[in-house]
Amino acid sequence: MEIDANLNPGAVNGLFPVARSAAGAKPVSQSDSFASSTALETALKNTADTRPEAVARGLDLINSGNYPSAIAVKKLSGFLASQLQTSPD
């Protein structure tokens, strides 16, 4: 059995091929970066700080009287108890 230990399958005579850019692709300029940044900042400024539907759902959960559920409280208390460490005295 013969094992080929050639770890560079793309190399020819120990030289790696030169990476070519995609046809028609233009390099990204600094002005492109600023334009993208400006667009992102504008979109962020136009985004609401809160989502009314999420706030309404949260209020409904709190007012339901069963939030968090007894199962969730039991799981959380079990997790917190398992994380307690006694201090060496």
N, C-alpha and C. Protein backbone atom coordinates (compact mmCIF):
# COMPACT_ATOMS: atom_id res chain seq x y z
N MET A 1 0.84 -1.16 0.00
CA MET A 1 0.00 0.00 0.00
C MET A 1 0.90 1.23 0.00
N GLU A 2 0.51 2.23 -0.81
CA GLU A 2 1.29 3.46 -0.90
C GLU A 2 0.44 4.62 -0.40
N ILE A 3 1.03 5.45 0.48
CA ILE A 3 0.33 6.61 1.02
C ILE A 3 0.97 7.86 0.46
N ASP A 4 0.15 8.69 -0.18
CA ASP A 4 0.64 9.95 -0.75
C ASP A 4 0.51 11.02 0.32
N ALA A 5 1.63 11.54 0.78
CA ALA A 5 1.63 12.55 1.83
C ALA A 5 1.64 13.96 1.28
N ASN A 6 1.18 14.15 0.05
CA ASN A 6 1.15 15.46 -0.56
C ASN A 6 0.03 16.27 0.09
N LEU A 7 0.42 17.18 0.99
CA LEU A 7 -0.57 17.99 1.70
C LEU A 7 -0.97 19.22 0.91
N ASN A 8 -0.33 19.48 -0.21
CA ASN A 8 -0.62 20.65 -1.04
C ASN A 8 -1.06 20.19 -2.43
N PRO A 9 -2.29 19.70 -2.56
CA PRO A 9 -2.72 19.16 -3.85
C PRO A 9 -2.75 20.20 -4.97
N GLY A 10 -2.81 21.50 -4.63
CA GLY A 10 -2.86 22.53 -5.66
C GLY A 10 -1.48 23.04 -6.04
N ALA A 11 -0.45 22.57 -5.36
CA ALA A 11 0.90 23.08 -5.61
C ALA A 11 1.54 22.36 -6.77
N VAL A 12 2.27 23.09 -7.56
CA VAL A 12 3.05 22.53 -8.66
C VAL A 12 4.49 22.93 -8.41
N ASN A 13 5.37 21.94 -8.30
CA ASN A 13 6.78 22.20 -8.02
C ASN A 13 6.95 23.05 -6.76
N GLY A 14 6.07 22.83 -5.77
CA GLY A 14 6.19 23.56 -4.52
C GLY A 14 5.63 24.97 -4.56
N LEU A 15 5.09 25.40 -5.70
CA LEU A 15 4.54 26.75 -5.82
C LEU A 15 3.03 26.68 -5.82
N PHE A 16 2.40 27.58 -5.11
CA PHE A 16 0.95 27.61 -5.05
C PHE A 16 0.41 28.46 -6.18
N PRO A 17 -0.76 28.11 -6.71
CA PRO A 17 -1.35 28.91 -7.78
C PRO A 17 -1.75 30.29 -7.26
N VAL A 18 -1.69 31.27 -8.11
CA VAL A 18 -2.07 32.63 -7.76
C VAL A 18 -3.58 32.72 -7.74
N ALA A 19 -4.14 33.24 -6.65
CA ALA A 19 -5.58 33.39 -6.54
C ALA A 19 -6.04 34.50 -7.47
N ARG A 20 -7.04 34.24 -8.24
CA ARG A 20 -7.59 35.22 -9.16
C ARG A 20 -8.93 35.69 -8.63
N SER A 21 -9.24 36.96 -8.85
CA SER A 21 -10.54 37.47 -8.43
C SER A 21 -11.60 37.02 -9.43
N ALA A 22 -12.82 37.04 -8.99
CA ALA A 22 -13.94 36.66 -9.86
C ALA A 22 -14.03 37.62 -11.04
N ALA A 23 -14.44 37.11 -12.17
CA ALA A 23 -14.54 37.94 -13.37
C ALA A 23 -15.53 39.06 -13.15
N GLY A 24 -15.14 40.27 -13.43
CA GLY A 24 -16.02 41.42 -13.32
C GLY A 24 -16.11 41.98 -11.91
N ALA A 25 -15.46 41.34 -10.95
CA ALA A 25 -15.53 41.84 -9.58
C ALA A 25 -14.59 43.03 -9.43
N LYS A 26 -15.11 44.07 -8.79
CA LYS A 26 -14.27 45.24 -8.57
C LYS A 26 -13.81 45.24 -7.13
N PRO A 27 -12.62 45.74 -6.87
CA PRO A 27 -12.16 45.79 -5.49
C PRO A 27 -13.00 46.76 -4.67
N VAL A 28 -13.14 46.48 -3.40
CA VAL A 28 -13.92 47.34 -2.52
C VAL A 28 -13.07 48.55 -2.15
N SER A 29 -13.63 49.72 -2.39
CA SER A 29 -12.90 50.93 -2.07
C SER A 29 -13.34 51.46 -0.71
N GLN A 30 -12.60 52.41 -0.18
CA GLN A 30 -12.93 52.98 1.11
C GLN A 30 -14.26 53.72 1.05
N SER A 31 -14.58 54.34 -0.07
CA SER A 31 -15.85 55.06 -0.18
C SER A 31 -17.03 54.09 -0.15
N ASP A 32 -16.84 52.87 -0.71
CA ASP A 32 -17.90 51.86 -0.63
C ASP A 32 -18.16 51.49 0.82
N SER A 33 -17.10 51.38 1.59
CA SER A 33 -17.22 51.02 3.00
C SER A 33 -18.00 52.10 3.75
N PHE A 34 -17.69 53.37 3.49
CA PHE A 34 -18.40 54.46 4.15
C PHE A 34 -19.86 54.51 3.73
N ALA A 35 -20.13 54.23 2.47
CA ALA A 35 -21.52 54.24 1.99
C ALA A 35 -22.32 53.15 2.69
N SER A 36 -21.72 51.97 2.84
CA SER A 36 -22.41 50.88 3.52
C SER A 36 -22.62 51.23 4.99
N SER A 37 -21.63 51.82 5.60
CA SER A 37 -21.73 52.20 7.00
C SER A 37 -22.82 53.24 7.20
N THR A 38 -22.88 54.20 6.31
CA THR A 38 -23.91 55.24 6.40
C THR A 38 -25.30 54.64 6.25
N ALA A 39 -25.44 53.72 5.32
CA ALA A 39 -26.74 53.07 5.11
C ALA A 39 -27.15 52.28 6.35
N LEU A 40 -26.21 51.59 6.98
CA LEU A 40 -26.53 50.83 8.18
C LEU A 40 -26.90 51.75 9.34
N GLU A 41 -26.17 52.85 9.49
CA GLU A 41 -26.50 53.80 10.55
C GLU A 41 -27.88 54.41 10.34
N THR A 42 -28.23 54.72 9.11
CA THR A 42 -29.55 55.28 8.81
C THR A 42 -30.64 54.27 9.13
N ALA A 43 -30.42 53.01 8.75
CA ALA A 43 -31.41 51.97 9.05
C ALA A 43 -31.57 51.79 10.55
N LEU A 44 -30.47 51.85 11.29
CA LEU A 44 -30.54 51.71 12.73
C LEU A 44 -31.29 52.87 13.38
N LYS A 45 -31.06 54.08 12.88
CA LYS A 45 -31.77 55.24 13.43
C LYS A 45 -33.27 55.17 13.16
N ASN A 46 -33.66 54.53 12.05
CA ASN A 46 -35.07 54.43 11.69
C ASN A 46 -35.78 53.24 12.33
N THR A 47 -35.03 52.44 13.11
CA THR A 47 -35.60 51.28 13.78
C THR A 47 -36.13 51.70 15.14
N ALA A 48 -37.31 51.23 15.46
CA ALA A 48 -37.92 51.58 16.75
C ALA A 48 -37.11 50.99 17.90
N ASP A 49 -37.09 51.70 19.03
CA ASP A 49 -36.36 51.22 20.20
C ASP A 49 -37.06 50.02 20.84
N THR A 50 -38.37 49.98 20.74
CA THR A 50 -39.12 48.86 21.29
C THR A 50 -40.08 48.33 20.23
N ARG A 51 -40.47 47.07 20.43
CA ARG A 51 -41.47 46.48 19.55
C ARG A 51 -42.76 46.38 20.33
N PRO A 52 -43.77 47.16 19.94
CA PRO A 52 -45.03 47.17 20.70
C PRO A 52 -45.65 45.79 20.88
N GLU A 53 -45.56 44.93 19.87
CA GLU A 53 -46.16 43.60 19.99
C GLU A 53 -45.43 42.75 21.03
N ALA A 54 -44.10 42.93 21.15
CA ALA A 54 -43.34 42.19 22.15
C ALA A 54 -43.66 42.71 23.55
N VAL A 55 -43.81 44.01 23.70
CA VAL A 55 -44.16 44.59 25.00
C VAL A 55 -45.55 44.10 25.41
N ALA A 56 -46.49 44.09 24.48
CA ALA A 56 -47.85 43.62 24.78
C ALA A 56 -47.84 42.16 25.20
N ARG A 57 -47.05 41.33 24.53
CA ARG A 57 -46.97 39.91 24.88
C ARG A 57 -46.38 39.76 26.28
N GLY A 58 -45.34 40.53 26.60
CA GLY A 58 -44.74 40.48 27.93
C GLY A 58 -45.73 40.86 29.01
N LEU A 59 -46.50 41.92 28.76
CA LEU A 59 -47.51 42.34 29.73
C LEU A 59 -48.57 41.27 29.92
N ASP A 60 -48.98 40.64 28.82
CA ASP A 60 -49.97 39.56 28.91
C ASP A 60 -49.44 38.40 29.75
N LEU A 61 -48.16 38.06 29.56
CA LEU A 61 -47.57 36.96 30.33
C LEU A 61 -47.53 37.31 31.82
N ILE A 62 -47.10 38.51 32.12
CA ILE A 62 -47.00 38.92 33.53
C ILE A 62 -48.39 38.93 34.18
N ASN A 63 -49.38 39.43 33.46
CA ASN A 63 -50.73 39.54 34.01
C ASN A 63 -51.47 38.21 34.07
N SER A 64 -50.95 37.17 33.41
CA SER A 64 -51.64 35.89 33.37
C SER A 64 -51.63 35.19 34.73
N GLY A 65 -50.69 35.53 35.61
CA GLY A 65 -50.62 34.89 36.92
C GLY A 65 -49.91 33.56 36.90
N ASN A 66 -49.56 33.06 35.74
CA ASN A 66 -48.88 31.77 35.62
C ASN A 66 -47.56 31.94 34.89
N TYR A 67 -46.92 33.06 35.10
CA TYR A 67 -45.64 33.29 34.43
C TYR A 67 -44.63 33.74 35.45
N PRO A 68 -43.52 33.14 35.54
CA PRO A 68 -43.13 31.92 34.84
C PRO A 68 -43.87 30.71 35.42
N SER A 69 -43.93 29.66 34.64
CA SER A 69 -44.66 28.48 35.07
C SER A 69 -43.96 27.82 36.25
N ALA A 70 -44.72 27.00 36.98
CA ALA A 70 -44.15 26.30 38.13
C ALA A 70 -43.01 25.38 37.70
N ILE A 71 -43.14 24.79 36.52
CA ILE A 71 -42.08 23.91 36.01
C ILE A 71 -40.80 24.71 35.75
N ALA A 72 -40.94 25.90 35.15
CA ALA A 72 -39.77 26.74 34.87
C ALA A 72 -39.11 27.18 36.16
N VAL A 73 -39.89 27.55 37.18
CA VAL A 73 -39.33 27.96 38.47
C VAL A 73 -38.59 26.80 39.11
N LYS A 74 -39.16 25.61 39.05
CA LYS A 74 -38.52 24.43 39.63
C LYS A 74 -37.20 24.12 38.93
N LYS A 75 -37.19 24.20 37.61
CA LYS A 75 -35.95 23.93 36.86
C LYS A 75 -34.89 24.97 37.19
N LEU A 76 -35.28 26.23 37.24
CA LEU A 76 -34.33 27.30 37.53
C LEU A 76 -33.79 27.17 38.95
N SER A 77 -34.67 26.88 39.92
CA SER A 77 -34.20 26.74 41.29
C SER A 77 -33.27 25.55 41.43
N GLY A 78 -33.56 24.47 40.73
CA GLY A 78 -32.67 23.30 40.75
C GLY A 78 -31.31 23.63 40.17
N PHE A 79 -31.31 24.39 39.07
CA PHE A 79 -30.03 24.79 38.45
C PHE A 79 -29.24 25.68 39.40
N LEU A 80 -29.91 26.68 39.98
CA LEU A 80 -29.20 27.59 40.89
C LEU A 80 -28.67 26.84 42.11
N ALA A 81 -29.43 25.90 42.63
CA ALA A 81 -28.98 25.11 43.78
C ALA A 81 -27.76 24.28 43.42
N SER A 82 -27.72 23.75 42.20
CA SER A 82 -26.57 22.94 41.78
C SER A 82 -25.32 23.80 41.60
N GLN A 83 -25.48 25.09 41.42
CA GLN A 83 -24.35 25.98 41.22
C GLN A 83 -23.78 26.54 42.52
N LEU A 84 -24.52 26.34 43.62
CA LEU A 84 -24.06 26.84 44.91
C LEU A 84 -22.82 26.08 45.34
N GLN A 85 -21.87 26.79 45.87
CA GLN A 85 -20.67 26.15 46.39
C GLN A 85 -20.51 26.57 47.84
N THR A 86 -20.18 25.62 48.65
CA THR A 86 -19.96 25.96 50.07
C THR A 86 -18.57 26.55 50.22
N SER A 87 -18.46 27.57 51.05
CA SER A 87 -17.16 28.20 51.26
C SER A 87 -16.39 27.41 52.30
N PRO A 88 -15.09 27.16 52.06
CA PRO A 88 -14.30 26.41 53.04
C PRO A 88 -14.02 27.27 54.27
N ASP A 89 -14.47 26.79 55.44
CA ASP A 89 -14.23 27.52 56.69
C ASP A 89 -13.36 26.73 57.62
